[in-house]
PDB file of N, CA and C in Angstrom:
ATOM      1  N   MET A   1       0.762  -1.084  -0.245  1.00  0.00           N
ATOM      2  CA  MET A   1      -0.271  -0.307   0.085  1.00  0.00           C
ATOM      3  C   MET A   1       0.713   1.362   0.274  1.00  0.00           C
ATOM      4  N   SER A   2       0.184   2.395  -0.458  1.00  0.00           N
ATOM      5  CA  SER A   2       1.020   3.533  -0.621  1.00  0.00           C
ATOM      6  C   SER A   2       1.103   4.184   1.041  1.00  0.00           C
ATOM      7  N   ASP A   3       2.137   5.170   1.032  1.00  0.00           N
ATOM      8  CA  ASP A   3       2.227   5.770   2.453  1.00  0.00           C
ATOM      9  C   ASP A   3       1.001   6.603   2.660  1.00  0.00           C
ATOM     10  N   GLN A   4       0.577   7.107   1.350  1.00  0.00           N
ATOM     11  CA  GLN A   4      -0.620   7.739   1.892  1.00  0.00           C
ATOM     12  C   GLN A   4      -2.253   7.471   2.030  1.00  0.00           C
ATOM     13  N   GLN A   5      -2.381   6.305   2.982  1.00  0.00           N
ATOM     14  CA  GLN A   5      -3.346   5.779   3.454  1.00  0.00           C
ATOM     15  C   GLN A   5      -4.198   6.472   3.864  1.00  0.00           C
ATOM     16  N   PRO A   6      -6.055   6.491   3.535  1.00  0.00           N
ATOM     17  CA  PRO A   6      -6.898   7.109   4.520  1.00  0.00           C
ATOM     18  C   PRO A   6      -6.594   6.266   6.018  1.00  0.00           C
ATOM     19  N   ALA A   7      -7.327   7.528   6.763  1.00  0.00           N
ATOM     20  CA  ALA A   7      -6.989   7.245   8.270  1.00  0.00           C
ATOM     21  C   ALA A   7      -7.830   5.929   8.913  1.00  0.00           C
ATOM     22  N   ASP A   8      -8.890   5.760   8.011  1.00  0.00           N
ATOM     23  CA  ASP A   8      -9.401   4.357   8.408  1.00  0.00           C
ATOM     24  C   ASP A   8      -9.275   2.989   7.346  1.00  0.00           C
ATOM     25  N   ALA A   9      -8.137   3.232   6.886  1.00  0.00           N
ATOM     26  CA  ALA A   9      -8.096   1.662   6.205  1.00  0.00           C
ATOM     27  C   ALA A   9      -7.226   0.914   7.106  1.00  0.00           C
ATOM     28  N   VAL A  10      -7.377  -0.589   6.674  1.00  0.00           N
ATOM     29  CA  VAL A  10      -6.825  -1.605   7.268  1.00  0.00           C
ATOM     30  C   VAL A  10      -5.626  -1.786   6.847  1.00  0.00           C
ATOM     31  N   ASP A  11      -4.630  -1.537   7.494  1.00  0.00           N
ATOM     32  CA  ASP A  11      -3.092  -2.480   7.148  1.00  0.00           C
ATOM     33  C   ASP A  11      -2.861  -3.561   6.442  1.00  0.00           C
ATOM     34  N   LEU A  12      -2.923  -4.172   5.641  1.00  0.00           N
ATOM     35  CA  LEU A  12      -3.149  -5.485   5.015  1.00  0.00           C
ATOM     36  C   LEU A  12      -1.716  -6.043   5.408  1.00  0.00           C
ATOM     37  N   GLU A  13      -0.835  -5.420   5.240  1.00  0.00           N
ATOM     38  CA  GLU A  13       0.838  -5.743   5.252  1.00  0.00           C
ATOM     39  C   GLU A  13       1.559  -6.329   6.361  1.00  0.00           C
ATOM     40  N   ALA A  14       0.633  -5.879   7.878  1.00  0.00           N
ATOM     41  CA  ALA A  14       0.591  -6.448   8.993  1.00  0.00           C
ATOM     42  C   ALA A  14      -0.054  -7.929   9.106  1.00  0.00           C
ATOM     43  N   ASP A  15      -0.540  -8.437   8.796  1.00  0.00           N
ATOM     44  CA  ASP A  15      -0.879  -9.768   8.747  1.00  0.00           C
ATOM     45  C   ASP A  15      -2.123 -10.178   8.084  1.00  0.00           C
ATOM     46  N   PRO A  16      -1.880 -10.292   6.567  1.00  0.00           N
ATOM     47  CA  PRO A  16      -3.483 -10.528   5.848  1.00  0.00           C
ATOM     48  C   PRO A  16      -4.168 -11.598   6.255  1.00  0.00           C
ATOM     49  N   ARG A  17      -3.999 -12.527   7.049  1.00  0.00           N
ATOM     50  CA  ARG A  17      -5.101 -12.997   7.172  1.00  0.00           C
ATOM     51  C   ARG A  17      -5.483 -12.504   8.346  1.00  0.00           C
ATOM     52  N   GLU A  18      -5.222 -11.653   9.195  1.00  0.00           N
ATOM     53  CA  GLU A  18      -6.532 -10.934   9.982  1.00  0.00           C
ATOM     54  C   GLU A  18      -7.886  -9.916   8.853  1.00  0.00           C
ATOM     55  N   ALA A  19      -7.564  -9.600   7.871  1.00  0.00           N
ATOM     56  CA  ALA A  19      -8.297  -8.741   7.503  1.00  0.00           C
ATOM     57  C   ALA A  19      -8.179  -8.167   6.023  1.00  0.00           C
ATOM     58  N   PRO A  20      -8.435  -9.383   5.142  1.00  0.00           N
ATOM     59  CA  PRO A  20      -8.174  -9.291   3.814  1.00  0.00           C
ATOM     60  C   PRO A  20      -9.218  -8.387   2.951  1.00  0.00           C
ATOM     61  N   PHE A  21      -9.152  -7.197   3.769  1.00  0.00           N
ATOM     62  CA  PHE A  21      -9.711  -6.022   2.991  1.00  0.00           C
ATOM     63  C   PHE A  21      -9.562  -4.797   3.094  1.00  0.00           C
ATOM     64  N   SER A  22      -9.966  -3.866   2.551  1.00  0.00           N
ATOM     65  CA  SER A  22      -9.805  -2.331   3.052  1.00  0.00           C
ATOM     66  C   SER A  22     -10.775  -1.434   2.740  1.00  0.00           C
ATOM     67  N   TYR A  23     -10.853  -0.365   3.430  1.00  0.00           N
ATOM     68  CA  TYR A  23     -12.009   0.484   3.107  1.00  0.00           C
ATOM     69  C   TYR A  23     -11.265   1.563   3.225  1.00  0.00           C
ATOM     70  N   HIS A  24     -12.110   2.693   2.716  1.00  0.00           N
ATOM     71  CA  HIS A  24     -12.219   4.242   2.534  1.00  0.00           C
ATOM     72  C   HIS A  24     -13.496   4.922   2.488  1.00  0.00           C
ATOM     73  N   ARG A  25     -13.705   5.830   2.757  1.00  0.00           N
ATOM     74  CA  ARG A  25     -14.814   6.824   2.578  1.00  0.00           C
ATOM     75  C   ARG A  25     -14.482   7.768   1.346  1.00  0.00           C
ATOM     76  N   ASP A  26     -15.216   7.492   0.289  1.00  0.00           N
ATOM     77  CA  ASP A  26     -15.253   8.410  -0.791  1.00  0.00           C
ATOM     78  C   ASP A  26     -15.850   9.531  -0.848  1.00  0.00           C
ATOM     79  N   ALA A  27     -15.623  10.559  -1.548  1.00  0.00           N
ATOM     80  CA  ALA A  27     -15.968  12.336  -2.051  1.00  0.00           C
ATOM     81  C   ALA A  27     -18.331  12.196  -1.252  1.00  0.00           C
ATOM     82  N   ALA A  28     -18.156  11.246  -1.886  1.00  0.00           N
ATOM     83  CA  ALA A  28     -19.904  11.317  -1.062  1.00  0.00           C
ATOM     84  C   ALA A  28     -20.313  10.863   0.114  1.00  0.00           C
ATOM     85  N   GLY A  29     -19.005  10.187   0.638  1.00  0.00           N
ATOM     86  CA  GLY A  29     -19.197  10.049   1.564  1.00  0.00           C
ATOM     87  C   GLY A  29     -19.649   8.138   1.770  1.00  0.00           C
ATOM     88  N   ARG A  30     -19.842   7.639   0.696  1.00  0.00           N
ATOM     89  CA  ARG A  30     -19.957   6.333   1.005  1.00  0.00           C
ATOM     90  C   ARG A  30     -18.563   5.596   1.376  1.00  0.00           C
ATOM     91  N   ILE A  31     -18.941   4.718   1.947  1.00  0.00           N
ATOM     92  CA  ILE A  31     -17.808   3.319   2.436  1.00  0.00           C
ATOM     93  C   ILE A  31     -17.479   2.325   1.537  1.00  0.00           C
ATOM     94  N   VAL A  32     -16.058   2.419   0.912  1.00  0.00           N
ATOM     95  CA  VAL A  32     -15.850   2.206   0.014  1.00  0.00           C
ATOM     96  C   VAL A  32     -15.065   0.648   0.197  1.00  0.00           C
ATOM     97  N   VAL A  33     -15.409  -0.350   0.021  1.00  0.00           N
ATOM     98  CA  VAL A  33     -14.827  -1.506   0.374  1.00  0.00           C
ATOM     99  C   VAL A  33     -14.122  -2.605  -0.521  1.00  0.00           C
ATOM    100  N   VAL A  34     -12.860  -2.819  -0.700  1.00  0.00           N
ATOM    101  CA  VAL A  34     -12.072  -3.680  -1.477  1.00  0.00           C
ATOM    102  C   VAL A  34     -11.530  -4.937  -0.876  1.00  0.00           C
ATOM    103  N   GLY A  35     -11.810  -6.061  -1.144  1.00  0.00           N
ATOM    104  CA  GLY A  35     -11.151  -7.273  -0.462  1.00  0.00           C
ATOM    105  C   GLY A  35     -12.462  -8.515  -0.622  1.00  0.00           C
ATOM    106  N   ASP A  36     -12.269  -9.088   0.180  1.00  0.00           N
ATOM    107  CA  ASP A  36     -13.041 -10.063   0.442  1.00  0.00           C
ATOM    108  C   ASP A  36     -13.473 -10.027   2.181  1.00  0.00           C
ATOM    109  N   ILE A  37     -14.643 -10.610   1.988  1.00  0.00           N
ATOM    110  CA  ILE A  37     -15.492 -10.305   3.310  1.00  0.00           C
ATOM    111  C   ILE A  37     -15.901 -12.001   3.503  1.00  0.00           C
ATOM    112  N   ASP A  38     -15.156 -12.579   4.527  1.00  0.00           N
ATOM    113  CA  ASP A  38     -15.731 -14.084   4.731  1.00  0.00           C
ATOM    114  C   ASP A  38     -15.725 -14.289   6.479  1.00  0.00           C
ATOM    115  N   LEU A  39     -14.987 -15.246   6.772  1.00  0.00           N
ATOM    116  CA  LEU A  39     -15.399 -15.980   8.039  1.00  0.00           C
ATOM    117  C   LEU A  39     -13.822 -15.256   8.458  1.00  0.00           C
ATOM    118  N   ALA A  40     -12.775 -14.969   7.679  1.00  0.00           N
ATOM    119  CA  ALA A  40     -11.448 -14.475   7.902  1.00  0.00           C
ATOM    120  C   ALA A  40     -11.436 -13.136   8.579  1.00  0.00           C
ATOM    121  N   SER A  41     -12.405 -12.157   7.632  1.00  0.00           N
ATOM    122  CA  SER A  41     -12.510 -10.933   8.010  1.00  0.00           C
ATOM    123  C   SER A  41     -13.849 -10.339   8.792  1.00  0.00           C
ATOM    124  N   ALA A  42     -14.602 -11.066   8.251  1.00  0.00           N
ATOM    125  CA  ALA A  42     -16.020 -10.530   9.190  1.00  0.00           C
ATOM    126  C   ALA A  42     -15.789  -9.608  10.530  1.00  0.00           C
ATOM    127  N   GLU A  43     -15.183 -10.256  11.188  1.00  0.00           N
ATOM    128  CA  GLU A  43     -14.404  -9.740  12.915  1.00  0.00           C
ATOM    129  C   GLU A  43     -14.400  -8.457  12.717  1.00  0.00           C
ATOM    130  N   ALA A  44     -13.453  -7.930  11.647  1.00  0.00           N
ATOM    131  CA  ALA A  44     -12.346  -7.060  11.315  1.00  0.00           C
ATOM    132  C   ALA A  44     -13.384  -6.273  10.302  1.00  0.00           C
ATOM    133  N   PHE A  45     -14.550  -6.437   9.999  1.00  0.00           N
ATOM    134  CA  PHE A  45     -15.519  -5.678   9.326  1.00  0.00           C
ATOM    135  C   PHE A  45     -16.582  -5.098   9.992  1.00  0.00           C
ATOM    136  N   ARG A  46     -16.919  -6.050  11.018  1.00  0.00           N
ATOM    137  CA  ARG A  46     -18.115  -5.793  11.877  1.00  0.00           C
ATOM    138  C   ARG A  46     -17.953  -3.960  12.532  1.00  0.00           C
ATOM    139  N   PRO A  47     -16.999  -3.775  13.045  1.00  0.00           N
ATOM    140  CA  PRO A  47     -16.465  -2.458  13.812  1.00  0.00           C
ATOM    141  C   PRO A  47     -16.406  -1.315  12.564  1.00  0.00           C
ATOM    142  N   VAL A  48     -16.323  -1.517  11.176  1.00  0.00           N
ATOM    143  CA  VAL A  48     -16.825  -0.529   9.857  1.00  0.00           C
ATOM    144  C   VAL A  48     -18.301  -0.106  10.101  1.00  0.00           C
ATOM    145  N   LEU A  49     -19.114  -1.389  10.156  1.00  0.00           N
ATOM    146  CA  LEU A  49     -20.118  -0.938  10.127  1.00  0.00           C
ATOM    147  C   LEU A  49     -21.356  -0.788  11.266  1.00  0.00           C
ATOM    148  N   LEU A  50     -20.736  -0.849  12.330  1.00  0.00           N
ATOM    149  CA  LEU A  50     -21.370  -0.723  13.825  1.00  0.00           C
ATOM    150  C   LEU A  50     -20.675   0.276  14.678  1.00  0.00           C
ATOM    151  N   ALA A  51     -19.802   1.484  13.889  1.00  0.00           N
ATOM    152  CA  ALA A  51     -19.160   2.480  14.471  1.00  0.00           C
ATOM    153  C   ALA A  51     -20.295   3.206  15.063  1.00  0.00           C
ATOM    154  N   SER A  52     -21.153   3.470  14.298  1.00  0.00           N
ATOM    155  CA  SER A  52     -22.210   4.458  14.912  1.00  0.00           C
ATOM    156  C   SER A  52     -23.746   4.109  14.741  1.00  0.00           C
ATOM    157  N   ARG A  53     -24.625   4.794  14.754  1.00  0.00           N
ATOM    158  CA  ARG A  53     -25.821   4.766  14.331  1.00  0.00           C
ATOM    159  C   ARG A  53     -26.457   5.357  12.949  1.00  0.00           C
ATOM    160  N   ASP A  54     -25.662   6.193  12.621  1.00  0.00           N
ATOM    161  CA  ASP A  54     -25.903   6.920  11.723  1.00  0.00           C
ATOM    162  C   ASP A  54     -26.300   6.160  10.491  1.00  0.00           C
ATOM    163  N   PRO A  55     -27.174   6.364   9.319  1.00  0.00           N
ATOM    164  CA  PRO A  55     -27.501   5.518   7.952  1.00  0.00           C
ATOM    165  C   PRO A  55     -26.128   5.875   7.320  1.00  0.00           C
ATOM    166  N   ILE A  56     -25.364   4.767   6.854  1.00  0.00           N
ATOM    167  CA  ILE A  56     -24.439   4.234   6.126  1.00  0.00           C
ATOM    168  C   ILE A  56     -24.682   3.799   4.612  1.00  0.00           C
ATOM    169  N   GLU A  57     -23.978   3.922   3.597  1.00  0.00           N
ATOM    170  CA  GLU A  57     -23.980   3.945   2.069  1.00  0.00           C
ATOM    171  C   GLU A  57     -22.544   3.193   1.727  1.00  0.00           C
ATOM    172  N   LEU A  58     -22.831   2.257   1.227  1.00  0.00           N
ATOM    173  CA  LEU A  58     -21.617   1.057   1.014  1.00  0.00           C
ATOM    174  C   LEU A  58     -21.301   0.797  -0.801  1.00  0.00           C
ATOM    175  N   ASP A  59     -20.045   1.190  -0.889  1.00  0.00           N
ATOM    176  CA  ASP A  59     -20.001   0.520  -2.255  1.00  0.00           C
ATOM    177  C   ASP A  59     -19.063  -0.559  -1.987  1.00  0.00           C
ATOM    178  N   LEU A  60     -19.642  -1.986  -2.546  1.00  0.00           N
ATOM    179  CA  LEU A  60     -18.957  -3.187  -2.795  1.00  0.00           C
ATOM    180  C   LEU A  60     -18.479  -3.524  -3.913  1.00  0.00           C
ATOM    181  N   THR A  61     -18.169  -2.736  -4.898  1.00  0.00           N
ATOM    182  CA  THR A  61     -17.624  -3.281  -6.411  1.00  0.00           C
ATOM    183  C   THR A  61     -16.238  -3.860  -6.118  1.00  0.00           C
ATOM    184  N   GLY A  62     -15.606  -3.224  -5.179  1.00  0.00           N
ATOM    185  CA  GLY A  62     -14.516  -4.108  -4.930  1.00  0.00           C
ATOM    186  C   GLY A  62     -14.020  -5.363  -4.208  1.00  0.00           C
ATOM    187  N   VAL A  63     -15.558  -5.785  -3.997  1.00  0.00           N
ATOM    188  CA  VAL A  63     -15.797  -7.047  -2.938  1.00  0.00           C
ATOM    189  C   VAL A  63     -15.951  -8.142  -3.855  1.00  0.00           C
ATOM    190  N   GLN A  64     -14.956  -8.976  -4.231  1.00  0.00           N
ATOM    191  CA  GLN A  64     -15.196 -10.258  -5.376  1.00  0.00           C
ATOM    192  C   GLN A  64     -15.589 -11.361  -4.558  1.00  0.00           C
ATOM    193  N   PHE A  65     -15.604 -11.336  -3.225  1.00  0.00           N
ATOM    194  CA  PHE A  65     -16.216 -12.564  -2.579  1.00  0.00           C
ATOM    195  C   PHE A  65     -16.759 -12.104  -1.101  1.00  0.00           C
ATOM    196  N   MET A  66     -17.835 -12.693  -0.865  1.00  0.00           N
ATOM    197  CA  MET A  66     -18.603 -12.475   0.165  1.00  0.00           C
ATOM    198  C   MET A  66     -19.160 -13.776   0.777  1.00  0.00           C
ATOM    199  N   ASP A  67     -18.876 -14.636   1.846  1.00  0.00           N
ATOM    200  CA  ASP A  67     -20.071 -15.377   2.448  1.00  0.00           C
ATOM    201  C   ASP A  67     -20.745 -15.071   3.330  1.00  0.00           C
ATOM    202  N   SER A  68     -21.514 -16.393   3.926  1.00  0.00           N
ATOM    203  CA  SER A  68     -22.341 -15.827   4.950  1.00  0.00           C
ATOM    204  C   SER A  68     -22.034 -14.839   6.677  1.00  0.00           C
ATOM    205  N   SER A  69     -20.867 -14.947   6.399  1.00  0.00           N
ATOM    206  CA  SER A  69     -20.248 -14.212   7.817  1.00  0.00           C
ATOM    207  C   SER A  69     -20.078 -12.885   7.362  1.00  0.00           C
ATOM    208  N   GLY A  70     -20.392 -12.462   6.129  1.00  0.00           N
ATOM    209  CA  GLY A  70     -20.150 -10.944   5.562  1.00  0.00           C
ATOM    210  C   GLY A  70     -21.692 -10.863   5.706  1.00  0.00           C
ATOM    211  N   VAL A  71     -22.651 -11.586   4.981  1.00  0.00           N
ATOM    212  CA  VAL A  71     -23.952 -11.144   4.795  1.00  0.00           C
ATOM    213  C   VAL A  71     -24.241 -10.929   6.715  1.00  0.00           C
ATOM    214  N   LYS A  72     -23.938 -11.588   7.502  1.00  0.00           N
ATOM    215  CA  LYS A  72     -24.429 -11.703   8.943  1.00  0.00           C
ATOM    216  C   LYS A  72     -24.055 -10.338   9.331  1.00  0.00           C
ATOM    217  N   VAL A  73     -22.706  -9.919   9.199  1.00  0.00           N
ATOM    218  CA  VAL A  73     -22.357  -8.389   9.589  1.00  0.00           C
ATOM    219  C   VAL A  73     -23.312  -7.445   8.893  1.00  0.00           C
ATOM    220  N   LEU A  74     -23.681  -7.407   7.813  1.00  0.00           N
ATOM    221  CA  LEU A  74     -24.504  -6.975   7.300  1.00  0.00           C
ATOM    222  C   LEU A  74     -25.622  -6.872   7.823  1.00  0.00           C
ATOM    223  N   LEU A  75     -26.495  -7.492   8.236  1.00  0.00           N
ATOM    224  CA  LEU A  75     -27.725  -7.793   8.801  1.00  0.00           C
ATOM    225  C   LEU A  75     -27.630  -7.481  10.240  1.00  0.00           C
ATOM    226  N   GLN A  76     -26.490  -7.448  10.450  1.00  0.00           N
ATOM    227  CA  GLN A  76     -26.238  -7.171  12.070  1.00  0.00           C
ATOM    228  C   GLN A  76     -26.281  -5.662  12.415  1.00  0.00           C
ATOM    229  N   ALA A  77     -25.620  -4.918  11.418  1.00  0.00           N
ATOM    230  CA  ALA A  77     -25.748  -3.625  11.305  1.00  0.00           C
ATOM    231  C   ALA A  77     -26.853  -2.938  10.860  1.00  0.00           C
ATOM    232  N   ARG A  78     -27.636  -3.597  10.018  1.00  0.00           N
ATOM    233  CA  ARG A  78     -28.850  -3.271   9.676  1.00  0.00           C
ATOM    234  C   ARG A  78     -29.810  -3.057  10.654  1.00  0.00           C
ATOM    235  N   ARG A  79     -29.620  -3.631  11.607  1.00  0.00           N
ATOM    236  CA  ARG A  79     -30.656  -3.646  13.015  1.00  0.00           C
ATOM    237  C   ARG A  79     -30.014  -2.551  13.680  1.00  0.00           C
ATOM    238  N   VAL A  80     -29.299  -2.096  13.537  1.00  0.00           N
ATOM    239  CA  VAL A  80     -28.978  -0.847  14.217  1.00  0.00           C
ATOM    240  C   VAL A  80     -29.181   0.479  13.890  1.00  0.00           C
ATOM    241  N   ARG A  81     -28.513   0.589  12.378  1.00  0.00           N
ATOM    242  CA  ARG A  81     -28.879   1.705  11.514  1.00  0.00           C
ATOM    243  C   ARG A  81     -29.430   1.324  10.092  1.00  0.00           C
ATOM    244  N   PRO A  82     -29.453   2.626   9.569  1.00  0.00           N
ATOM    245  CA  PRO A  82     -29.823   1.891   8.341  1.00  0.00           C
ATOM    246  C   PRO A  82     -28.558   1.923   7.111  1.00  0.00           C
ATOM    247  N   VAL A  83     -28.670   0.548   6.635  1.00  0.00           N
ATOM    248  CA  VAL A  83     -27.630   0.491   5.721  1.00  0.00           C
ATOM    249  C   VAL A  83     -28.204   0.281   3.799  1.00  0.00           C
ATOM    250  N   ARG A  84     -27.270   1.064   3.314  1.00  0.00           N
ATOM    251  CA  ARG A  84     -27.702   0.799   2.156  1.00  0.00           C
ATOM    252  C   ARG A  84     -26.179   0.433   1.196  1.00  0.00           C
ATOM    253  N   ILE A  85     -26.483  -0.515   0.122  1.00  0.00           N
ATOM    254  CA  ILE A  85     -25.402  -1.143  -0.661  1.00  0.00           C
ATOM    255  C   ILE A  85     -25.685   0.183  -2.160  1.00  0.00           C
ATOM    256  N   ALA A  86     -24.978   1.050  -2.512  1.00  0.00           N
ATOM    257  CA  ALA A  86     -25.387   1.781  -3.609  1.00  0.00           C
ATOM    258  C   ALA A  86     -24.889   0.992  -4.749  1.00  0.00           C
ATOM    259  N   VAL A  87     -23.761   0.151  -4.630  1.00  0.00           N
ATOM    260  CA  VAL A  87     -23.200  -0.494  -5.562  1.00  0.00           C
ATOM    261  C   VAL A  87     -22.802  -1.610  -5.312  1.00  0.00           C
ATOM    262  N   ALA A  88     -22.076  -2.804  -5.714  1.00  0.00           N
ATOM    263  CA  ALA A  88     -21.679  -4.028  -5.393  1.00  0.00           C
ATOM    264  C   ALA A  88     -21.240  -5.040  -6.676  1.00  0.00           C
ATOM    265  N   SER A  89     -20.427  -5.676  -6.503  1.00  0.00           N
ATOM    266  CA  SER A  89     -19.723  -6.619  -7.181  1.00  0.00           C
ATOM    267  C   SER A  89     -20.867  -7.190  -7.814  1.00  0.00           C
ATOM    268  N   PRO A  90     -21.232  -7.879  -8.983  1.00  0.00           N
ATOM    269  CA  PRO A  90     -21.902  -9.130  -9.603  1.00  0.00           C
ATOM    270  C   PRO A  90     -21.821 -10.242  -8.588  1.00  0.00           C
ATOM    271  N   SER A  91     -20.747 -10.568  -8.211  1.00  0.00           N
ATOM    272  CA  SER A  91     -20.732 -11.914  -7.000  1.00  0.00           C
ATOM    273  C   SER A  91     -21.279 -11.352  -5.883  1.00  0.00           C
ATOM    274  N   VAL A  92     -21.275 -10.445  -5.095  1.00  0.00           N
ATOM    275  CA  VAL A  92     -22.232  -9.854  -3.955  1.00  0.00           C
ATOM    276  C   VAL A  92     -23.182  -9.719  -4.411  1.00  0.00           C
ATOM    277  N   ASN A  93     -23.554  -8.955  -5.508  1.00  0.00           N
ATOM    278  CA  ASN A  93     -25.393  -8.862  -5.652  1.00  0.00           C
ATOM    279  C   ASN A  93     -25.983  -9.981  -5.938  1.00  0.00           C
ATOM    280  N   ARG A  94     -25.133 -11.276  -6.439  1.00  0.00           N
ATOM    281  CA  ARG A  94     -25.598 -12.720  -6.702  1.00  0.00           C
ATOM    282  C   ARG A  94     -26.007 -13.235  -5.116  1.00  0.00           C
ATOM    283  N   VAL A  95     -24.808 -13.091  -4.119  1.00  0.00           N
ATOM    284  CA  VAL A  95     -25.114 -13.653  -2.914  1.00  0.00           C
ATOM    285  C   VAL A  95     -26.756 -13.132  -2.410  1.00  0.00           C
ATOM    286  N   LEU A  96     -26.776 -12.133  -2.499  1.00  0.00           N
ATOM    287  CA  LEU A  96     -27.774 -11.330  -1.808  1.00  0.00           C
ATOM    288  C   LEU A  96     -28.951 -11.510  -2.563  1.00  0.00           C
ATOM    289  N   GLU A  97     -28.793 -11.857  -3.859  1.00  0.00           N
ATOM    290  CA  GLU A  97     -30.143 -12.189  -4.831  1.00  0.00           C
ATOM    291  C   GLU A  97     -30.542 -13.500  -4.307  1.00  0.00           C
ATOM    292  N   LEU A  98     -29.644 -14.471  -4.019  1.00  0.00           N
ATOM    293  CA  LEU A  98     -29.869 -15.701  -3.801  1.00  0.00           C
ATOM    294  C   LEU A  98     -30.574 -16.186  -2.422  1.00  0.00           C
ATOM    295  N   LEU A  99     -30.168 -14.872  -1.675  1.00  0.00           N
ATOM    296  CA  LEU A  99     -31.070 -14.994  -0.241  1.00  0.00           C
ATOM    297  C   LEU A  99     -32.109 -14.279  -0.228  1.00  0.00           C
ATOM    298  N   GLY A 100     -32.528 -13.501  -1.240  1.00  0.00           N
ATOM    299  CA  GLY A 100     -33.620 -12.690  -0.878  1.00  0.00           C
ATOM    300  C   GLY A 100     -33.379 -10.974  -0.158  1.00  0.00           C
ATOM    301  N   LEU A 101     -32.294 -10.921   0.065  1.00  0.00           N
ATOM    302  CA  LEU A 101     -31.956  -9.641   0.717  1.00  0.00           C
ATOM    303  C   LEU A 101     -31.905  -8.620  -0.253  1.00  0.00           C
ATOM    304  N   SER A 102     -32.272  -7.593   0.383  1.00  0.00           N
ATOM    305  CA  SER A 102     -32.251  -6.136  -0.643  1.00  0.00           C
ATOM    306  C   SER A 102     -31.548  -4.884   0.335  1.00  0.00           C
ATOM    307  N   PHE A 103     -30.783  -4.357   0.053  1.00  0.00           N
ATOM    308  CA  PHE A 103     -29.915  -3.481   0.972  1.00  0.00           C
ATOM    309  C   PHE A 103     -30.214  -1.730   0.119  1.00  0.00           C
ATOM    310  N   ALA A 104     -31.333  -1.825  -0.439  1.00  0.00           N
ATOM    311  CA  ALA A 104     -31.152  -0.864  -1.895  1.00  0.00           C
ATOM    312  C   ALA A 104     -32.353   0.309  -0.924  1.00  0.00           C
ATOM    313  N   GLU A 105     -32.639   0.326   0.213  1.00  0.00           N
ATOM    314  CA  GLU A 105     -33.573   1.013   0.606  1.00  0.00           C
ATOM    315  C   GLU A 105     -33.360   2.590   0.301  1.00  0.00           C
TER     316      GLU A 105
END
């Protein structure tokens, strides 16, 4: 990663097994996530989504794999704050579609 990381970016070089994803806020205020959200990273993703009760908008176009652990974190976050997925990768869209879930509020 570059030396100019956003303040809330996950440092993947410390231990790639801890959080195989990174995130930052874009100019529109969306949380942009890049990487995989799975059993290995769901616990690190949880505080990103549960940091406040304010509405959250996500850009998941950079998420190429998300398993049930990632879906669980999204559902937990939705219990305490509005969660909207503005855009997502085809693989994330497929998982949500198969489960009959919508985060397009």
